[in-house]
């Protein structure tokens, strides 16, 4: 649904995220919610084409219409950063 680029400067360069929507079928518990949001990435732009992301491919099964694509990305990025902090891992 939207491609978002974030420039992290000369050390990491430009990272690209893909914000997408998807649906699930019954009997999955989220099937009743319709379109849901997810994020794929980030991908280093200088490495394109690549299938290797830096680990933020995720969905919290939030309804697509609840937020803008940028808000979905921020929410998932924040969630992944908090998880990494808790695990002692590094962020992209």
N, C-alpha and C. Protein backbone atom coordinates (compact mmCIF):
# COMPACT_ATOMS: atom_id res chain seq x y z
N UNK A 1 0.81 -1.19 0.00
CA UNK A 1 0.00 0.00 0.00
C UNK A 1 0.86 1.26 0.00
N UNK A 2 2.05 1.17 0.65
CA UNK A 2 2.94 2.34 0.66
C UNK A 2 4.37 1.89 0.90
N UNK A 3 5.30 2.54 0.22
CA UNK A 3 6.73 2.35 0.44
C UNK A 3 7.23 3.57 1.19
N UNK A 4 7.97 3.35 2.28
CA UNK A 4 8.48 4.44 3.10
C UNK A 4 9.99 4.31 3.18
N UNK A 5 10.69 5.42 2.89
CA UNK A 5 12.15 5.44 2.99
C UNK A 5 12.55 6.26 4.21
N UNK A 6 13.54 5.74 4.94
CA UNK A 6 14.11 6.46 6.08
C UNK A 6 15.61 6.52 5.90
N UNK A 7 16.15 7.74 5.90
CA UNK A 7 17.58 7.94 5.73
C UNK A 7 18.25 7.95 7.10
N UNK A 8 19.08 6.94 7.36
CA UNK A 8 19.76 6.84 8.64
C UNK A 8 21.20 7.36 8.58
N UNK A 9 21.51 8.08 7.52
CA UNK A 9 22.84 8.67 7.40
C UNK A 9 23.84 7.76 6.74
N UNK A 10 25.09 8.20 6.78
CA UNK A 10 26.13 7.51 6.01
C UNK A 10 26.46 6.11 6.52
N UNK A 11 26.21 5.81 7.79
CA UNK A 11 26.59 4.49 8.30
C UNK A 11 25.64 3.39 7.84
N UNK A 12 24.35 3.69 7.77
CA UNK A 12 23.37 2.66 7.38
C UNK A 12 22.66 2.99 6.08
N UNK A 13 22.73 4.23 5.65
CA UNK A 13 22.11 4.63 4.40
C UNK A 13 20.59 4.70 4.48
N UNK A 14 19.96 4.54 3.33
CA UNK A 14 18.50 4.62 3.24
C UNK A 14 17.90 3.24 3.43
N UNK A 15 16.96 3.16 4.37
CA UNK A 15 16.23 1.92 4.61
C UNK A 15 14.84 2.06 4.02
N UNK A 16 14.36 1.00 3.42
CA UNK A 16 13.05 0.99 2.77
C UNK A 16 12.14 0.00 3.49
N UNK A 17 10.93 0.49 3.82
CA UNK A 17 9.90 -0.34 4.44
C UNK A 17 8.72 -0.43 3.49
N UNK A 18 8.04 -1.57 3.51
CA UNK A 18 6.82 -1.75 2.75
C UNK A 18 5.67 -1.95 3.74
N UNK A 19 4.70 -1.05 3.68
CA UNK A 19 3.52 -1.16 4.53
C UNK A 19 2.44 -1.81 3.66
N UNK A 20 1.92 -2.93 4.13
CA UNK A 20 0.96 -3.68 3.31
C UNK A 20 -0.30 -4.00 4.11
N UNK A 21 -1.31 -4.41 3.41
CA UNK A 21 -2.52 -4.87 4.07
C UNK A 21 -2.80 -6.29 3.63
N UNK A 22 -3.47 -7.02 4.50
CA UNK A 22 -3.77 -8.42 4.22
C UNK A 22 -5.02 -8.81 4.98
N UNK A 23 -5.56 -9.95 4.61
CA UNK A 23 -6.74 -10.50 5.29
C UNK A 23 -6.45 -11.94 5.70
N UNK A 24 -7.19 -12.39 6.68
CA UNK A 24 -7.11 -13.79 7.06
C UNK A 24 -8.49 -14.42 6.85
N UNK A 25 -8.52 -15.72 6.76
CA UNK A 25 -9.77 -16.45 6.58
C UNK A 25 -10.17 -17.14 7.89
N UNK A 26 -11.46 -17.32 8.08
CA UNK A 26 -11.90 -18.10 9.24
C UNK A 26 -11.31 -19.50 9.14
N UNK A 27 -10.98 -20.09 10.22
CA UNK A 27 -11.34 -19.76 11.60
C UNK A 27 -10.34 -18.87 12.32
N UNK A 28 -9.42 -18.21 11.62
CA UNK A 28 -8.48 -17.32 12.30
C UNK A 28 -9.25 -16.25 13.06
N UNK A 29 -8.81 -15.94 14.27
CA UNK A 29 -9.53 -15.00 15.13
C UNK A 29 -9.64 -13.60 14.53
N UNK A 30 -8.71 -13.19 13.65
CA UNK A 30 -8.73 -11.83 13.08
C UNK A 30 -9.53 -11.74 11.79
N UNK A 31 -10.08 -12.84 11.31
CA UNK A 31 -10.82 -12.82 10.04
C UNK A 31 -11.97 -11.83 10.08
N UNK A 32 -12.60 -11.66 11.23
CA UNK A 32 -13.75 -10.76 11.35
C UNK A 32 -13.36 -9.29 11.23
N UNK A 33 -12.06 -8.96 11.34
CA UNK A 33 -11.60 -7.58 11.33
C UNK A 33 -11.34 -7.03 9.93
N UNK A 34 -11.46 -7.84 8.90
CA UNK A 34 -11.25 -7.35 7.52
C UNK A 34 -9.78 -7.13 7.23
N UNK A 35 -9.48 -6.01 6.55
CA UNK A 35 -8.11 -5.71 6.16
C UNK A 35 -7.27 -5.35 7.38
N UNK A 36 -6.08 -5.94 7.47
CA UNK A 36 -5.15 -5.73 8.56
C UNK A 36 -3.85 -5.14 8.02
N UNK A 37 -3.06 -4.52 8.89
CA UNK A 37 -1.81 -3.89 8.46
C UNK A 37 -0.60 -4.73 8.84
N UNK A 38 0.43 -4.65 8.00
CA UNK A 38 1.70 -5.29 8.28
C UNK A 38 2.82 -4.47 7.68
N UNK A 39 4.05 -4.75 8.12
CA UNK A 39 5.23 -4.04 7.63
C UNK A 39 6.27 -5.08 7.23
N UNK A 40 6.94 -4.83 6.14
CA UNK A 40 8.03 -5.66 5.69
C UNK A 40 9.28 -4.79 5.57
N UNK A 41 10.38 -5.28 6.11
CA UNK A 41 11.61 -4.52 6.01
C UNK A 41 12.30 -4.42 7.36
N UNK A 42 13.19 -3.47 7.50
CA UNK A 42 13.66 -2.60 6.43
C UNK A 42 14.64 -3.32 5.52
N UNK A 43 14.75 -2.78 4.34
CA UNK A 43 15.69 -3.26 3.34
C UNK A 43 16.65 -2.12 3.03
N UNK A 44 17.95 -2.41 2.95
CA UNK A 44 18.91 -1.36 2.58
C UNK A 44 18.78 -1.08 1.10
N UNK A 45 18.50 0.18 0.78
CA UNK A 45 18.28 0.57 -0.62
C UNK A 45 19.51 0.28 -1.49
N UNK A 46 20.69 0.46 -0.94
CA UNK A 46 21.90 0.24 -1.75
C UNK A 46 22.13 -1.23 -2.09
N UNK A 47 21.41 -2.13 -1.43
CA UNK A 47 21.56 -3.56 -1.69
C UNK A 47 20.48 -4.10 -2.63
N UNK A 48 19.60 -3.23 -3.15
CA UNK A 48 18.52 -3.70 -4.02
C UNK A 48 19.08 -4.34 -5.28
N UNK A 49 18.47 -5.33 -5.84
CA UNK A 49 17.32 -6.05 -5.29
C UNK A 49 17.79 -7.07 -4.24
N UNK A 50 17.01 -7.21 -3.19
CA UNK A 50 17.34 -8.16 -2.13
C UNK A 50 16.07 -8.66 -1.46
N UNK A 51 16.16 -9.83 -0.88
CA UNK A 51 15.05 -10.37 -0.08
C UNK A 51 15.42 -10.36 1.39
N UNK A 52 16.62 -9.85 1.72
CA UNK A 52 17.10 -9.85 3.09
C UNK A 52 16.68 -8.58 3.82
N UNK A 53 15.76 -8.74 4.77
CA UNK A 53 15.35 -7.58 5.57
C UNK A 53 16.18 -7.53 6.84
N UNK A 54 16.04 -6.43 7.56
CA UNK A 54 16.77 -6.24 8.82
C UNK A 54 15.92 -6.59 10.02
N UNK A 55 14.85 -7.35 9.82
CA UNK A 55 14.15 -7.93 10.95
C UNK A 55 12.91 -7.26 11.47
N UNK A 56 12.36 -6.29 10.77
CA UNK A 56 11.12 -5.65 11.24
C UNK A 56 9.89 -6.07 10.44
N UNK A 57 9.94 -7.22 9.81
CA UNK A 57 8.76 -7.73 9.11
C UNK A 57 7.83 -8.31 10.17
N UNK A 58 6.65 -7.66 10.31
CA UNK A 58 5.80 -7.97 11.44
C UNK A 58 4.40 -7.42 11.22
N UNK A 59 3.45 -7.97 11.94
CA UNK A 59 2.11 -7.42 12.02
C UNK A 59 1.58 -7.65 13.43
N UNK A 60 0.89 -6.65 13.95
CA UNK A 60 0.22 -6.80 15.24
C UNK A 60 -1.28 -7.00 15.02
N UNK A 61 -1.67 -7.28 13.78
CA UNK A 61 -3.06 -7.55 13.40
C UNK A 61 -3.98 -6.37 13.71
N UNK A 62 -3.46 -5.15 13.50
CA UNK A 62 -4.25 -3.93 13.67
C UNK A 62 -5.08 -3.71 12.42
N UNK A 63 -6.31 -3.27 12.59
CA UNK A 63 -7.17 -2.99 11.44
C UNK A 63 -6.54 -1.90 10.57
N UNK A 64 -6.55 -2.13 9.26
CA UNK A 64 -5.94 -1.20 8.32
C UNK A 64 -6.53 0.19 8.46
N UNK A 65 -7.83 0.31 8.59
CA UNK A 65 -8.48 1.62 8.61
C UNK A 65 -8.29 2.38 9.92
N UNK A 66 -7.68 1.76 10.93
CA UNK A 66 -7.50 2.44 12.22
C UNK A 66 -6.42 3.52 12.18
N UNK A 67 -5.46 3.40 11.26
CA UNK A 67 -4.34 4.34 11.21
C UNK A 67 -3.91 4.57 9.77
N UNK A 68 -3.07 5.59 9.56
CA UNK A 68 -2.46 5.82 8.25
C UNK A 68 -1.32 4.83 8.07
N UNK A 69 -0.84 4.63 6.84
CA UNK A 69 0.31 3.75 6.65
C UNK A 69 1.53 4.18 7.47
N UNK A 70 1.79 5.49 7.56
CA UNK A 70 2.93 5.96 8.34
C UNK A 70 2.74 5.67 9.83
N UNK A 71 1.52 5.78 10.33
CA UNK A 71 1.25 5.46 11.73
C UNK A 71 1.42 3.97 12.00
N UNK A 72 0.98 3.13 11.06
CA UNK A 72 1.19 1.69 11.21
C UNK A 72 2.69 1.39 11.29
N UNK A 73 3.48 2.00 10.40
CA UNK A 73 4.93 1.77 10.39
C UNK A 73 5.54 2.23 11.71
N UNK A 74 5.18 3.41 12.18
CA UNK A 74 5.73 3.91 13.44
C UNK A 74 5.39 3.00 14.61
N UNK A 75 4.15 2.54 14.64
CA UNK A 75 3.71 1.67 15.73
C UNK A 75 4.51 0.37 15.75
N UNK A 76 4.67 -0.25 14.60
CA UNK A 76 5.40 -1.51 14.53
C UNK A 76 6.89 -1.28 14.78
N UNK A 77 7.45 -0.19 14.25
CA UNK A 77 8.87 0.11 14.49
C UNK A 77 9.12 0.32 15.98
N UNK A 78 8.23 1.05 16.65
CA UNK A 78 8.37 1.27 18.09
C UNK A 78 8.27 -0.04 18.86
N UNK A 79 7.31 -0.88 18.48
CA UNK A 79 7.14 -2.17 19.13
C UNK A 79 8.39 -3.03 18.98
N UNK A 80 8.96 -3.08 17.77
CA UNK A 80 10.15 -3.88 17.53
C UNK A 80 11.36 -3.32 18.30
N UNK A 81 11.47 -2.00 18.39
CA UNK A 81 12.57 -1.39 19.15
C UNK A 81 12.46 -1.73 20.63
N UNK A 82 11.25 -1.67 21.18
CA UNK A 82 11.06 -2.03 22.59
C UNK A 82 11.40 -3.51 22.82
N UNK A 83 11.01 -4.36 21.87
CA UNK A 83 11.31 -5.79 21.99
C UNK A 83 12.82 -6.00 21.98
N UNK A 84 13.53 -5.32 21.06
CA UNK A 84 14.99 -5.46 20.98
C UNK A 84 15.64 -4.97 22.27
N UNK A 85 15.15 -3.84 22.80
CA UNK A 85 15.70 -3.34 24.06
C UNK A 85 15.53 -4.38 25.18
N UNK A 86 14.38 -4.98 25.21
CA UNK A 86 14.10 -6.00 26.23
C UNK A 86 15.01 -7.22 26.05
N UNK A 87 15.29 -7.56 24.80
CA UNK A 87 16.12 -8.74 24.50
C UNK A 87 17.61 -8.42 24.49
N UNK A 88 17.95 -7.14 24.53
CA UNK A 88 19.37 -6.75 24.47
C UNK A 88 19.93 -6.82 23.07
N UNK A 89 19.06 -6.74 22.05
CA UNK A 89 19.49 -6.81 20.65
C UNK A 89 19.63 -5.40 20.09
N UNK A 90 20.29 -5.27 18.94
CA UNK A 90 20.47 -3.96 18.30
C UNK A 90 19.35 -3.71 17.29
N UNK A 91 19.08 -2.42 17.06
CA UNK A 91 18.05 -2.00 16.10
C UNK A 91 18.70 -1.65 14.78
N UNK A 92 17.89 -1.69 13.69
CA UNK A 92 18.42 -1.25 12.40
C UNK A 92 18.74 0.22 12.41
